[in-house]
Amino acid sequence: MKLQQLKYLLAIVDNDLNITAAASRLYTSQPGVSKQLKLLEEELGLQLFSRKGKSLARVTHAGEQVILRARKVMSEVEQIRCLASDFYQEQEGILTIAATNTQARYILPAIVRELRQQYPKVSLNLHQGTSDQVADMVTRNDIDFAIATGSSDLFGDLLQIPGYHWDRIVLVPNGHELTKIDRELTLQDLARHPLISYVFSFDGETALKRTFAEHGLDANVVFTARDADVIKTYVLMGLGIGIVASMAYGPDDHKHLTPIKVNGLFPRSTAWIGFRRNTVLRCYMADFIRLFAPHVDAEQMEKAARAVSQHELDQLFKNARLPVRNGSCGSLSAAA
């Protein structure tokens, strides 16, 4: 049995049992992948896939067990390679991050700048998308870290470290009727207006919609977008009132937009950073986590790197006092 055969096996599984796609991703030939799969099955004396003609139809029960162990083997191999690399190239490497647009636009620039100052030989790749798209990148093993808010059910394969809390605000054009209300806004006030907010998850459920529904109200969402700057554009057009992350309101926005705090109307959100179990955190990776979540001390970082379950991390950080990042609408402060 060769490591190459296990690598080919996992590539087939990760490409929906499409051998041609697996070969393309591995930069090799389709016949070569098919041959190595056949040799592996012959050596093991097991049929790993059921077949329909020349195509692979599904993974057999025996195949599922072999694939599970193959992933563990290849994970260990990758850790050995990373450890060896750390001895010789601690200051060099490639860090690939997938983040939702709000985090990428308003939080990560300062973090990336500082990391680049510490590790000028580390290259960074940043991918942006909705939580669903970030989860898809995780599934394809394309990234080192995922940064998102909520949607933990999409990221069951990741260990998640909480980074900070953030709140939502309402954005309206200057002079809008909501700015003339001399009391705190209610959900009933918002329900009377068309709403513009972030793209919903593919299942159609969000904290925003749930909040209105729990109070017997309908959220009249007329437009959604991934990018807060796009939402601002359509708010200015008069299409509706915007509901965005507080951090998305910048110093220049006051010229045309008025932010209205809605303390307590919507649940406070928590942004987290996630990585796969058994990941060997190289020095620049650990420092990136600390820059994103500065409340994580050295001892907690060491324990997090060794954690094998999310329950361990939940216990580790259950008493953590996370900062609140609300941009121009609220200074960075400790959580209550």
C-alpha atoms as a PDB file:
ATOM      1  CA  MET A   1       0.000   0.000   0.000  1.00  0.00           C
ATOM      2  CA  LYS A   2       1.315   3.425  -0.988  1.00  0.00           C
ATOM      3  CA  LEU A   3       0.520   6.873   0.348  1.00  0.00           C
ATOM      4  CA  GLN A   4      -0.133   7.904  -3.239  1.00  0.00           C
ATOM      5  CA  GLN A   5      -2.959   5.364  -3.439  1.00  0.00           C
ATOM      6  CA  LEU A   6      -4.592   6.768  -0.317  1.00  0.00           C
ATOM      7  CA  LYS A   7      -4.193  10.278  -1.711  1.00  0.00           C
ATOM      8  CA  TYR A   8      -5.907   9.214  -4.938  1.00  0.00           C
ATOM      9  CA  LEU A   9      -8.669   7.465  -2.992  1.00  0.00           C
ATOM     10  CA  LEU A  10      -9.484  10.598  -0.994  1.00  0.00           C
ATOM     11  CA  ALA A  11      -9.365  12.771  -4.109  1.00  0.00           C
ATOM     12  CA  ILE A  12     -11.962  10.518  -5.737  1.00  0.00           C
ATOM     13  CA  VAL A  13     -14.252  10.815  -2.716  1.00  0.00           C
ATOM     14  CA  ASP A  14     -13.765  14.585  -2.450  1.00  0.00           C
ATOM     15  CA  ASN A  15     -14.680  14.993  -6.129  1.00  0.00           C
ATOM     16  CA  ASP A  16     -18.019  13.194  -5.904  1.00  0.00           C
ATOM     17  CA  LEU A  17     -16.606   9.863  -7.148  1.00  0.00           C
ATOM     18  CA  ASN A  18     -15.595  11.495 -10.427  1.00  0.00           C
ATOM     19  CA  ILE A  19     -12.223   9.989 -11.341  1.00  0.00           C
ATOM     20  CA  THR A  20     -11.641  12.454 -14.167  1.00  0.00           C
ATOM     21  CA  ALA A  21     -12.173  15.423 -11.838  1.00  0.00           C
ATOM     22  CA  ALA A  22      -9.938  13.813  -9.211  1.00  0.00           C
ATOM     23  CA  ALA A  23      -7.169  13.292 -11.768  1.00  0.00           C
ATOM     24  CA  SER A  24      -7.456  16.921 -12.882  1.00  0.00           C
ATOM     25  CA  ARG A  25      -7.158  18.169  -9.331  1.00  0.00           C
ATOM     26  CA  LEU A  26      -4.120  15.937  -8.756  1.00  0.00           C
ATOM     27  CA  TYR A  27      -2.529  17.047 -12.060  1.00  0.00           C
ATOM     28  CA  THR A  28      -2.299  13.478 -13.260  1.00  0.00           C
ATOM     29  CA  SER A  29      -4.088  11.220 -15.744  1.00  0.00           C
ATOM     30  CA  GLN A  30      -7.445   9.525 -15.311  1.00  0.00           C
ATOM     31  CA  PRO A  31      -6.066   6.073 -16.284  1.00  0.00           C
ATOM     32  CA  GLY A  32      -3.318   6.480 -13.679  1.00  0.00           C
ATOM     33  CA  VAL A  33      -5.837   7.167 -10.918  1.00  0.00           C
ATOM     34  CA  SER A  34      -8.029   4.252 -12.011  1.00  0.00           C
ATOM     35  CA  LYS A  35      -5.037   1.916 -12.041  1.00  0.00           C
ATOM     36  CA  GLN A  36      -3.932   2.887  -8.523  1.00  0.00           C
ATOM     37  CA  LEU A  37      -7.490   2.438  -7.214  1.00  0.00           C
ATOM     38  CA  LYS A  38      -7.645  -1.027  -8.760  1.00  0.00           C
ATOM     39  CA  LEU A  39      -4.272  -1.984  -7.257  1.00  0.00           C
ATOM     40  CA  LEU A  40      -5.394  -0.761  -3.838  1.00  0.00           C
ATOM     41  CA  GLU A  41      -8.614  -2.772  -3.967  1.00  0.00           C
ATOM     42  CA  GLU A  42      -6.718  -5.874  -5.101  1.00  0.00           C
ATOM     43  CA  GLU A  43      -4.183  -5.541  -2.300  1.00  0.00           C
ATOM     44  CA  LEU A  44      -6.864  -5.069   0.330  1.00  0.00           C
ATOM     45  CA  GLY A  45      -9.144  -7.698  -1.130  1.00  0.00           C
ATOM     46  CA  LEU A  46     -12.026  -5.252  -0.729  1.00  0.00           C
ATOM     47  CA  GLN A  47     -14.363  -3.475  -3.091  1.00  0.00           C
ATOM     48  CA  LEU A  48     -14.263   0.158  -1.998  1.00  0.00           C
ATOM     49  CA  PHE A  49     -16.887   1.391  -4.465  1.00  0.00           C
ATOM     50  CA  SER A  50     -19.913  -0.126  -6.126  1.00  0.00           C
ATOM     51  CA  ARG A  51     -19.900   0.526  -9.848  1.00  0.00           C
ATOM     52  CA  LYS A  52     -22.419   1.304 -12.545  1.00  0.00           C
ATOM     53  CA  GLY A  53     -20.787   0.486 -15.826  1.00  0.00           C
ATOM     54  CA  LYS A  54     -17.415   2.248 -15.843  1.00  0.00           C
ATOM     55  CA  SER A  55     -18.523   4.848 -13.302  1.00  0.00           C
ATOM     56  CA  LEU A  56     -18.338   4.721  -9.529  1.00  0.00           C
ATOM     57  CA  ALA A  57     -21.851   4.680  -8.065  1.00  0.00           C
ATOM     58  CA  ARG A  58     -21.322   4.838  -4.305  1.00  0.00           C
ATOM     59  CA  VAL A  59     -18.917   4.036  -1.479  1.00  0.00           C
ATOM     60  CA  THR A  60     -19.335   0.559  -0.010  1.00  0.00           C
ATOM     61  CA  HIS A  61     -19.497  -0.067   3.734  1.00  0.00           C
ATOM     62  CA  ALA A  62     -15.941  -1.417   3.637  1.00  0.00           C
ATOM     63  CA  GLY A  63     -14.913   1.617   1.616  1.00  0.00           C
ATOM     64  CA  GLU A  64     -16.286   3.986   4.248  1.00  0.00           C
ATOM     65  CA  GLN A  65     -14.102   2.357   6.895  1.00  0.00           C
ATOM     66  CA  VAL A  66     -11.001   2.485   4.707  1.00  0.00           C
ATOM     67  CA  ILE A  67     -11.647   6.133   3.773  1.00  0.00           C
ATOM     68  CA  LEU A  68     -12.045   7.107   7.429  1.00  0.00           C
ATOM     69  CA  ARG A  69      -8.651   5.616   8.285  1.00  0.00           C
ATOM     70  CA  ALA A  70      -7.045   6.969   5.126  1.00  0.00           C
ATOM     71  CA  ARG A  71      -7.981  10.505   6.181  1.00  0.00           C
ATOM     72  CA  LYS A  72      -6.336   9.958   9.546  1.00  0.00           C
ATOM     73  CA  VAL A  73      -3.197   8.613   7.882  1.00  0.00           C
ATOM     74  CA  MET A  74      -2.945  11.518   5.444  1.00  0.00           C
ATOM     75  CA  SER A  75      -3.596  13.991   8.247  1.00  0.00           C
ATOM     76  CA  GLU A  76      -0.672  12.529  10.191  1.00  0.00           C
ATOM     77  CA  VAL A  77       1.496  12.678   7.067  1.00  0.00           C
ATOM     78  CA  GLU A  78       0.625  16.362   6.621  1.00  0.00           C
ATOM     79  CA  GLN A  79       1.471  17.058  10.248  1.00  0.00           C
ATOM     80  CA  ILE A  80       4.890  15.434   9.812  1.00  0.00           C
ATOM     81  CA  ARG A  81       5.512  17.597   6.755  1.00  0.00           C
ATOM     82  CA  CYS A  82       4.440  20.735   8.604  1.00  0.00           C
ATOM     83  CA  LEU A  83       6.636  19.901  11.576  1.00  0.00           C
ATOM     84  CA  ALA A  84       9.621  19.376   9.295  1.00  0.00           C
ATOM     85  CA  SER A  85       8.861  22.612   7.521  1.00  0.00           C
ATOM     86  CA  ASP A  86       8.651  24.491  10.808  1.00  0.00           C
ATOM     87  CA  PHE A  87      12.208  23.514  11.658  1.00  0.00           C
ATOM     88  CA  TYR A  88      13.534  25.157   8.511  1.00  0.00           C
ATOM     89  CA  GLN A  89      10.998  27.738   7.385  1.00  0.00           C
ATOM     90  CA  GLU A  90       9.194  29.065  10.450  1.00  0.00           C
ATOM     91  CA  GLN A  91       8.935  32.521   8.904  1.00  0.00           C
ATOM     92  CA  GLU A  92       7.715  31.364   5.489  1.00  0.00           C
ATOM     93  CA  GLY A  93       4.543  29.817   4.189  1.00  0.00           C
ATOM     94  CA  ILE A  94       1.128  30.382   2.657  1.00  0.00           C
ATOM     95  CA  LEU A  95      -1.914  31.172   4.800  1.00  0.00           C
ATOM     96  CA  THR A  96      -5.324  30.763   3.170  1.00  0.00           C
ATOM     97  CA  ILE A  97      -8.356  32.298   4.848  1.00  0.00           C
ATOM     98  CA  ALA A  98     -12.048  32.204   3.962  1.00  0.00           C
ATOM     99  CA  ALA A  99     -14.231  34.857   5.565  1.00  0.00           C
ATOM    100  CA  THR A 100     -17.624  36.430   5.238  1.00  0.00           C
ATOM    101  CA  ASN A 101     -17.554  39.793   3.486  1.00  0.00           C
ATOM    102  CA  THR A 102     -18.129  41.900   6.591  1.00  0.00           C
ATOM    103  CA  GLN A 103     -15.192  40.318   8.406  1.00  0.00           C
ATOM    104  CA  ALA A 104     -12.975  40.582   5.321  1.00  0.00           C
ATOM    105  CA  ARG A 105     -13.841  44.226   4.714  1.00  0.00           C
ATOM    106  CA  TYR A 106     -13.944  45.731   8.188  1.00  0.00           C
ATOM    107  CA  ILE A 107     -11.978  43.512  10.594  1.00  0.00           C
ATOM    108  CA  LEU A 108      -9.246  41.665   8.722  1.00  0.00           C
ATOM    109  CA  PRO A 109      -7.328  44.559   7.071  1.00  0.00           C
ATOM    110  CA  ALA A 110      -5.688  45.668  10.335  1.00  0.00           C
ATOM    111  CA  ILE A 111      -4.968  42.055  11.317  1.00  0.00           C
ATOM    112  CA  VAL A 112      -3.455  41.203   7.938  1.00  0.00           C
ATOM    113  CA  ARG A 113      -1.302  44.346   8.010  1.00  0.00           C
ATOM    114  CA  GLU A 114       0.132  43.441  11.403  1.00  0.00           C
ATOM    115  CA  LEU A 115       0.732  39.811  10.432  1.00  0.00           C
ATOM    116  CA  ARG A 116       2.550  40.949   7.285  1.00  0.00           C
ATOM    117  CA  GLN A 117       4.789  43.154   9.413  1.00  0.00           C
ATOM    118  CA  GLN A 118       5.655  40.203  11.638  1.00  0.00           C
ATOM    119  CA  TYR A 119       6.003  37.669   8.804  1.00  0.00           C
ATOM    120  CA  PRO A 120       6.904  39.431   5.548  1.00  0.00           C
ATOM    121  CA  LYS A 121       7.693  36.088   3.870  1.00  0.00           C
ATOM    122  CA  VAL A 122       4.238  34.642   4.536  1.00  0.00           C
ATOM    123  CA  SER A 123       1.810  34.942   1.614  1.00  0.00           C
ATOM    124  CA  LEU A 124      -1.872  35.340   2.383  1.00  0.00           C
ATOM    125  CA  ASN A 125      -4.819  34.257   0.265  1.00  0.00           C
ATOM    126  CA  LEU A 126      -8.207  35.676   1.266  1.00  0.00           C
ATOM    127  CA  HIS A 127     -11.470  34.273  -0.090  1.00  0.00           C
ATOM    128  CA  GLN A 128     -14.805  35.968   0.600  1.00  0.00           C
ATOM    129  CA  GLY A 129     -18.345  34.645   0.541  1.00  0.00           C
ATOM    130  CA  THR A 130     -21.507  33.867   2.437  1.00  0.00           C
ATOM    131  CA  SER A 131     -21.384  31.388   5.312  1.00  0.00           C
ATOM    132  CA  ASP A 132     -22.555  28.687   2.901  1.00  0.00           C
ATOM    133  CA  GLN A 133     -19.767  29.492   0.450  1.00  0.00           C
ATOM    134  CA  VAL A 134     -17.152  29.551   3.204  1.00  0.00           C
ATOM    135  CA  ALA A 135     -18.438  26.153   4.387  1.00  0.00           C
ATOM    136  CA  ASP A 136     -18.074  24.832   0.840  1.00  0.00           C
ATOM    137  CA  MET A 137     -14.431  25.963   0.781  1.00  0.00           C
ATOM    138  CA  VAL A 138     -13.911  24.106   4.050  1.00  0.00           C
ATOM    139  CA  THR A 139     -15.450  20.959   2.564  1.00  0.00           C
ATOM    140  CA  ARG A 140     -13.061  21.147  -0.385  1.00  0.00           C
ATOM    141  CA  ASN A 141     -10.080  21.474   1.982  1.00  0.00           C
ATOM    142  CA  ASP A 142      -9.118  24.724   0.265  1.00  0.00           C
ATOM    143  CA  ILE A 143      -8.423  26.845   3.355  1.00  0.00           C
ATOM    144  CA  ASP A 144      -6.493  26.947   6.641  1.00  0.00           C
ATOM    145  CA  PHE A 145      -8.895  29.154   8.591  1.00  0.00           C
ATOM    146  CA  ALA A 146     -12.577  29.989   8.269  1.00  0.00           C
ATOM    147  CA  ILE A 147     -13.978  33.165   9.815  1.00  0.00           C
ATOM    148  CA  ALA A 148     -17.723  33.544  10.135  1.00  0.00           C
ATOM    149  CA  THR A 149     -20.593  34.316  12.486  1.00  0.00           C
ATOM    150  CA  GLY A 150     -23.094  31.734  13.677  1.00  0.00           C
ATOM    151  CA  SER A 151     -24.083  28.935  11.272  1.00  0.00           C
ATOM    152  CA  SER A 152     -22.085  26.491  13.393  1.00  0.00           C
ATOM    153  CA  ASP A 153     -24.092  23.613  11.941  1.00  0.00           C
ATOM    154  CA  LEU A 154     -22.392  24.284   8.596  1.00  0.00           C
ATOM    155  CA  PHE A 155     -18.941  23.878  10.125  1.00  0.00           C
ATOM    156  CA  GLY A 156     -19.126  20.695  12.176  1.00  0.00           C
ATOM    157  CA  ASP A 157     -15.694  19.599  10.952  1.00  0.00           C
ATOM    158  CA  LEU A 158     -13.980  22.677  12.380  1.00  0.00           C
ATOM    159  CA  LEU A 159     -12.792  23.604  15.842  1.00  0.00           C
ATOM    160  CA  GLN A 160     -14.078  27.131  16.493  1.00  0.00           C
ATOM    161  CA  ILE A 161     -12.483  29.742  18.757  1.00  0.00           C
ATOM    162  CA  PRO A 162     -14.760  32.695  19.625  1.00  0.00           C
ATOM    163  CA  GLY A 163     -13.230  36.024  18.611  1.00  0.00           C
ATOM    164  CA  TYR A 164     -15.545  38.905  19.455  1.00  0.00           C
ATOM    165  CA  HIS A 165     -19.164  40.054  19.664  1.00  0.00           C
ATOM    166  CA  TRP A 166     -20.850  42.476  17.297  1.00  0.00           C
ATOM    167  CA  ASP A 167     -24.261  44.138  17.056  1.00  0.00           C
ATOM    168  CA  ARG A 168     -26.576  45.252  14.288  1.00  0.00           C
ATOM    169  CA  ILE A 169     -27.725  48.776  13.493  1.00  0.00           C
ATOM    170  CA  VAL A 170     -30.396  50.263  11.280  1.00  0.00           C
ATOM    171  CA  LEU A 171     -29.170  52.518   8.468  1.00  0.00           C
ATOM    172  CA  VAL A 172     -31.450  55.123   6.889  1.00  0.00           C
ATOM    173  CA  PRO A 173     -30.907  58.118   4.626  1.00  0.00           C
ATOM    174  CA  ASN A 174     -30.340  61.375   6.506  1.00  0.00           C
ATOM    175  CA  GLY A 175     -33.686  62.919   7.443  1.00  0.00           C
ATOM    176  CA  HIS A 176     -35.604  59.628   7.238  1.00  0.00           C
ATOM    177  CA  GLU A 177     -38.806  59.486   9.336  1.00  0.00           C
ATOM    178  CA  LEU A 178     -37.253  56.917  11.697  1.00  0.00           C
ATOM    179  CA  THR A 179     -34.653  59.501  12.754  1.00  0.00           C
ATOM    180  CA  LYS A 180     -37.442  61.698  14.112  1.00  0.00           C
ATOM    181  CA  ILE A 181     -38.693  59.129  16.644  1.00  0.00           C
ATOM    182  CA  ASP A 182     -37.567  60.312  20.082  1.00  0.00           C
ATOM    183  CA  ARG A 183     -37.563  56.868  21.682  1.00  0.00           C
ATOM    184  CA  GLU A 184     -35.849  53.554  21.051  1.00  0.00           C
ATOM    185  CA  LEU A 185     -37.093  51.811  17.925  1.00  0.00           C
ATOM    186  CA  THR A 186     -39.236  48.694  18.188  1.00  0.00           C
ATOM    187  CA  LEU A 187     -39.591  45.743  15.848  1.00  0.00           C
ATOM    188  CA  GLN A 188     -43.062  47.077  15.002  1.00  0.00           C
ATOM    189  CA  ASP A 189     -41.423  50.293  13.778  1.00  0.00           C
ATOM    190  CA  LEU A 190     -39.089  48.318  11.519  1.00  0.00           C
ATOM    191  CA  ALA A 191     -41.817  45.971  10.281  1.00  0.00           C
ATOM    192  CA  ARG A 192     -43.603  48.954   8.709  1.00  0.00           C
ATOM    193  CA  HIS A 193     -40.721  49.486   6.294  1.00  0.00           C
ATOM    194  CA  PRO A 194     -39.136  47.403   3.533  1.00  0.00           C
ATOM    195  CA  LEU A 195     -35.857  45.925   4.759  1.00  0.00           C
ATOM    196  CA  ILE A 196     -32.451  45.498   3.124  1.00  0.00           C
ATOM    197  CA  SER A 197     -29.968  43.145   4.756  1.00  0.00           C
ATOM    198  CA  TYR A 198     -27.433  40.398   4.225  1.00  0.00           C
ATOM    199  CA  VAL A 199     -27.951  37.402   1.970  1.00  0.00           C
ATOM    200  CA  PHE A 200     -29.798  34.651   3.766  1.00  0.00           C
ATOM    201  CA  SER A 201     -28.437  31.140   4.086  1.00  0.00           C
ATOM    202  CA  PHE A 202     -29.669  28.717   1.454  1.00  0.00           C
ATOM    203  CA  ASP A 203     -32.130  27.256   3.970  1.00  0.00           C
ATOM    204  CA  GLY A 204     -33.845  30.635   4.144  1.00  0.00           C
ATOM    205  CA  GLU A 205     -33.512  30.984   7.920  1.00  0.00           C
ATOM    206  CA  THR A 206     -31.641  33.795   9.648  1.00  0.00           C
ATOM    207  CA  ALA A 207     -31.511  35.408  13.076  1.00  0.00           C
ATOM    208  CA  LEU A 208     -33.157  38.453  11.490  1.00  0.00           C
ATOM    209  CA  LYS A 209     -36.191  36.565  10.203  1.00  0.00           C
ATOM    210  CA  ARG A 210     -36.481  34.502  13.383  1.00  0.00           C
ATOM    211  CA  THR A 211     -36.481  37.639  15.522  1.00  0.00           C
ATOM    212  CA  PHE A 212     -39.443  39.124  13.673  1.00  0.00           C
ATOM    213  CA  ALA A 213     -41.297  35.798  13.567  1.00  0.00           C
ATOM    214  CA  GLU A 214     -40.917  35.280  17.324  1.00  0.00           C
ATOM    215  CA  HIS A 215     -42.830  38.538  17.843  1.00  0.00           C
ATOM    216  CA  GLY A 216     -45.558  37.651  15.354  1.00  0.00           C
ATOM    217  CA  LEU A 217     -44.201  40.005  12.702  1.00  0.00           C
ATOM    218  CA  ASP A 218     -43.182  39.523   9.091  1.00  0.00           C
ATOM    219  CA  ALA A 219     -39.794  40.806   7.958  1.00  0.00           C
ATOM    220  CA  ASN A 220     -40.527  42.521   4.637  1.00  0.00           C
ATOM    221  CA  VAL A 221     -37.088  41.897   3.119  1.00  0.00           C
ATOM    222  CA  VAL A 222     -37.036  43.394  -0.372  1.00  0.00           C
ATOM    223  CA  PHE A 223     -33.328  43.126  -1.162  1.00  0.00           C
ATOM    224  CA  THR A 224     -30.339  41.160   0.116  1.00  0.00           C
ATOM    225  CA  ALA A 225     -26.629  41.405  -0.625  1.00  0.00           C
ATOM    226  CA  ARG A 226     -23.392  39.903   0.660  1.00  0.00           C
ATOM    227  CA  ASP A 227     -21.620  43.251   0.918  1.00  0.00           C
ATOM    228  CA  ALA A 228     -22.632  45.989   3.364  1.00  0.00           C
ATOM    229  CA  ASP A 229     -21.432  48.643   0.915  1.00  0.00           C
ATOM    230  CA  VAL A 230     -23.938  47.342  -1.637  1.00  0.00           C
ATOM    231  CA  ILE A 231     -26.666  47.472   1.021  1.00  0.00           C
ATOM    232  CA  LYS A 232     -25.779  51.111   1.734  1.00  0.00           C
ATOM    233  CA  THR A 233     -26.126  51.943  -1.965  1.00  0.00           C
ATOM    234  CA  TYR A 234     -29.648  50.625  -2.122  1.00  0.00           C
ATOM    235  CA  VAL A 235     -30.611  52.292   1.152  1.00  0.00           C
ATOM    236  CA  LEU A 236     -29.557  55.603  -0.406  1.00  0.00           C
ATOM    237  CA  MET A 237     -31.721  54.788  -3.424  1.00  0.00           C
ATOM    238  CA  GLY A 238     -34.719  54.659  -1.101  1.00  0.00           C
ATOM    239  CA  LEU A 239     -35.375  50.970  -1.666  1.00  0.00           C
ATOM    240  CA  GLY A 240     -35.687  50.325   2.072  1.00  0.00           C
ATOM    241  CA  ILE A 241     -33.977  50.623   5.457  1.00  0.00           C
ATOM    242  CA  GLY A 242     -30.756  48.715   6.001  1.00  0.00           C
ATOM    243  CA  ILE A 243     -29.955  46.293   8.813  1.00  0.00           C
ATOM    244  CA  VAL A 244     -26.203  45.707   8.909  1.00  0.00           C
ATOM    245  CA  ALA A 245     -23.327  45.026  11.262  1.00  0.00           C
ATOM    246  CA  SER A 246     -22.437  48.126  13.299  1.00  0.00           C
ATOM    247  CA  MET A 247     -18.815  47.817  12.178  1.00  0.00           C
ATOM    248  CA  ALA A 248     -19.955  48.423   8.591  1.00  0.00           C
ATOM    249  CA  TYR A 249     -20.782  52.074   9.316  1.00  0.00           C
ATOM    250  CA  GLY A 250     -17.671  54.096   8.495  1.00  0.00           C
ATOM    251  CA  PRO A 251     -16.553  57.700   9.128  1.00  0.00           C
ATOM    252  CA  ASP A 252     -17.554  58.817   5.627  1.00  0.00           C
ATOM    253  CA  ASP A 253     -21.059  57.363   5.779  1.00  0.00           C
ATOM    254  CA  HIS A 254     -22.428  60.196   7.960  1.00  0.00           C
ATOM    255  CA  LYS A 255     -22.573  62.433   4.880  1.00  0.00           C
ATOM    256  CA  HIS A 256     -25.587  60.529   3.569  1.00  0.00           C
ATOM    257  CA  LEU A 257     -26.615  57.895   6.120  1.00  0.00           C
ATOM    258  CA  THR A 258     -27.781  57.974   9.722  1.00  0.00           C
ATOM    259  CA  PRO A 259     -27.132  54.951  11.956  1.00  0.00           C
ATOM    260  CA  ILE A 260     -29.771  54.093  14.546  1.00  0.00           C
ATOM    261  CA  LYS A 261     -28.769  51.789  17.388  1.00  0.00           C
ATOM    262  CA  VAL A 262     -31.304  49.078  18.151  1.00  0.00           C
ATOM    263  CA  ASN A 263     -29.953  47.761  21.423  1.00  0.00           C
ATOM    264  CA  GLY A 264     -31.660  44.551  22.419  1.00  0.00           C
ATOM    265  CA  LEU A 265     -33.840  44.166  19.311  1.00  0.00           C
ATOM    266  CA  PHE A 266     -31.581  41.601  17.684  1.00  0.00           C
ATOM    267  CA  PRO A 267     -29.416  38.996  19.411  1.00  0.00           C
ATOM    268  CA  ARG A 268     -25.754  39.897  19.766  1.00  0.00           C
ATOM    269  CA  SER A 269     -23.632  37.915  17.294  1.00  0.00           C
ATOM    270  CA  THR A 270     -20.274  36.231  17.853  1.00  0.00           C
ATOM    271  CA  ALA A 271     -17.589  35.977  15.187  1.00  0.00           C
ATOM    272  CA  TRP A 272     -15.286  32.955  15.392  1.00  0.00           C
ATOM    273  CA  ILE A 273     -12.216  31.532  13.705  1.00  0.00           C
ATOM    274  CA  GLY A 274     -12.165  27.843  12.840  1.00  0.00           C
ATOM    275  CA  PHE A 275      -9.598  25.250  11.792  1.00  0.00           C
ATOM    276  CA  ARG A 276      -9.612  21.499  11.227  1.00  0.00           C
ATOM    277  CA  ARG A 277      -8.949  19.015  13.971  1.00  0.00           C
ATOM    278  CA  ASN A 278      -5.363  17.759  14.122  1.00  0.00           C
ATOM    279  CA  THR A 279      -4.074  20.882  12.374  1.00  0.00           C
ATOM    280  CA  VAL A 280      -0.470  21.662  13.212  1.00  0.00           C
ATOM    281  CA  LEU A 281      -0.549  25.388  13.951  1.00  0.00           C
ATOM    282  CA  ARG A 282       2.658  26.887  12.648  1.00  0.00           C
ATOM    283  CA  CYS A 283       3.914  29.955  14.474  1.00  0.00           C
ATOM    284  CA  TYR A 284       2.403  32.451  12.025  1.00  0.00           C
ATOM    285  CA  MET A 285      -0.927  30.584  12.132  1.00  0.00           C
ATOM    286  CA  ALA A 286      -1.037  30.768  15.925  1.00  0.00           C
ATOM    287  CA  ASP A 287      -0.157  34.464  15.805  1.00  0.00           C
ATOM    288  CA  PHE A 288      -2.948  35.074  13.301  1.00  0.00           C
ATOM    289  CA  ILE A 289      -5.420  33.524  15.747  1.00  0.00           C
ATOM    290  CA  ARG A 290      -4.080  35.731  18.553  1.00  0.00           C
ATOM    291  CA  LEU A 291      -4.433  38.831  16.393  1.00  0.00           C
ATOM    292  CA  PHE A 292      -8.031  37.900  15.596  1.00  0.00           C
ATOM    293  CA  ALA A 293      -8.821  36.846  19.167  1.00  0.00           C
ATOM    294  CA  PRO A 294      -6.371  38.725  21.450  1.00  0.00           C
ATOM    295  CA  HIS A 295      -8.057  37.374  24.588  1.00  0.00           C
ATOM    296  CA  VAL A 296      -6.530  33.921  23.847  1.00  0.00           C
ATOM    297  CA  ASP A 297      -3.416  33.525  25.995  1.00  0.00           C
ATOM    298  CA  ALA A 298      -0.446  31.226  25.357  1.00  0.00           C
ATOM    299  CA  GLU A 299      -1.764  28.421  27.560  1.00  0.00           C
ATOM    300  CA  GLN A 300      -5.186  28.480  25.916  1.00  0.00           C
ATOM    301  CA  MET A 301      -3.581  28.481  22.481  1.00  0.00           C
ATOM    302  CA  GLU A 302      -1.586  25.367  23.329  1.00  0.00           C
ATOM    303  CA  LYS A 303      -4.702  23.593  24.611  1.00  0.00           C
ATOM    304  CA  ALA A 304      -6.746  24.677  21.597  1.00  0.00           C
ATOM    305  CA  ALA A 305      -4.089  23.279  19.248  1.00  0.00           C
ATOM    306  CA  ARG A 306      -4.380  19.894  20.980  1.00  0.00           C
ATOM    307  CA  ALA A 307      -8.181  19.849  21.203  1.00  0.00           C
ATOM    308  CA  VAL A 308     -10.048  17.036  19.485  1.00  0.00           C
ATOM    309  CA  SER A 309     -13.621  18.258  19.983  1.00  0.00           C
ATOM    310  CA  GLN A 310     -15.602  21.477  19.988  1.00  0.00           C
ATOM    311  CA  HIS A 311     -16.782  20.632  23.501  1.00  0.00           C
ATOM    312  CA  GLU A 312     -13.175  21.007  24.708  1.00  0.00           C
ATOM    313  CA  LEU A 313     -12.951  24.487  23.199  1.00  0.00           C
ATOM    314  CA  ASP A 314     -16.360  25.475  24.558  1.00  0.00           C
ATOM    315  CA  GLN A 315     -15.192  24.547  28.037  1.00  0.00           C
ATOM    316  CA  LEU A 316     -11.853  26.282  27.517  1.00  0.00           C
ATOM    317  CA  PHE A 317     -13.460  29.604  26.573  1.00  0.00           C
ATOM    318  CA  LYS A 318     -16.737  29.420  28.505  1.00  0.00           C
ATOM    319  CA  ASN A 319     -15.642  32.210  30.863  1.00  0.00           C
ATOM    320  CA  ALA A 320     -13.866  34.313  28.243  1.00  0.00           C
ATOM    321  CA  ARG A 321     -14.783  38.001  28.206  1.00  0.00           C
ATOM    322  CA  LEU A 322     -14.964  38.695  24.503  1.00  0.00           C
ATOM    323  CA  PRO A 323     -14.466  42.211  23.132  1.00  0.00           C
ATOM    324  CA  VAL A 324     -17.278  43.966  21.276  1.00  0.00           C
ATOM    325  CA  ARG A 325     -16.384  45.368  17.877  1.00  0.00           C
ATOM    326  CA  ASN A 326     -18.937  47.819  16.550  1.00  0.00           C
ATOM    327  CA  GLY A 327     -16.748  50.157  14.509  1.00  0.00           C
ATOM    328  CA  SER A 328     -17.696  53.842  14.474  1.00  0.00           C
ATOM    329  CA  CYS A 329     -20.959  53.027  16.249  1.00  0.00           C
ATOM    330  CA  GLY A 330     -19.253  51.795  19.372  1.00  0.00           C
ATOM    331  CA  SER A 331     -15.662  51.629  20.539  1.00  0.00           C
ATOM    332  CA  LEU A 332     -13.945  48.322  21.228  1.00  0.00           C
ATOM    333  CA  SER A 333     -14.990  47.375  24.754  1.00  0.00           C
ATOM    334  CA  ALA A 334     -15.241  44.398  27.057  1.00  0.00           C
ATOM    335  CA  ALA A 335     -18.450  42.397  26.937  1.00  0.00           C
ATOM    336  CA  ALA A 336     -20.851  42.807  29.776  1.00  0.00           C
END
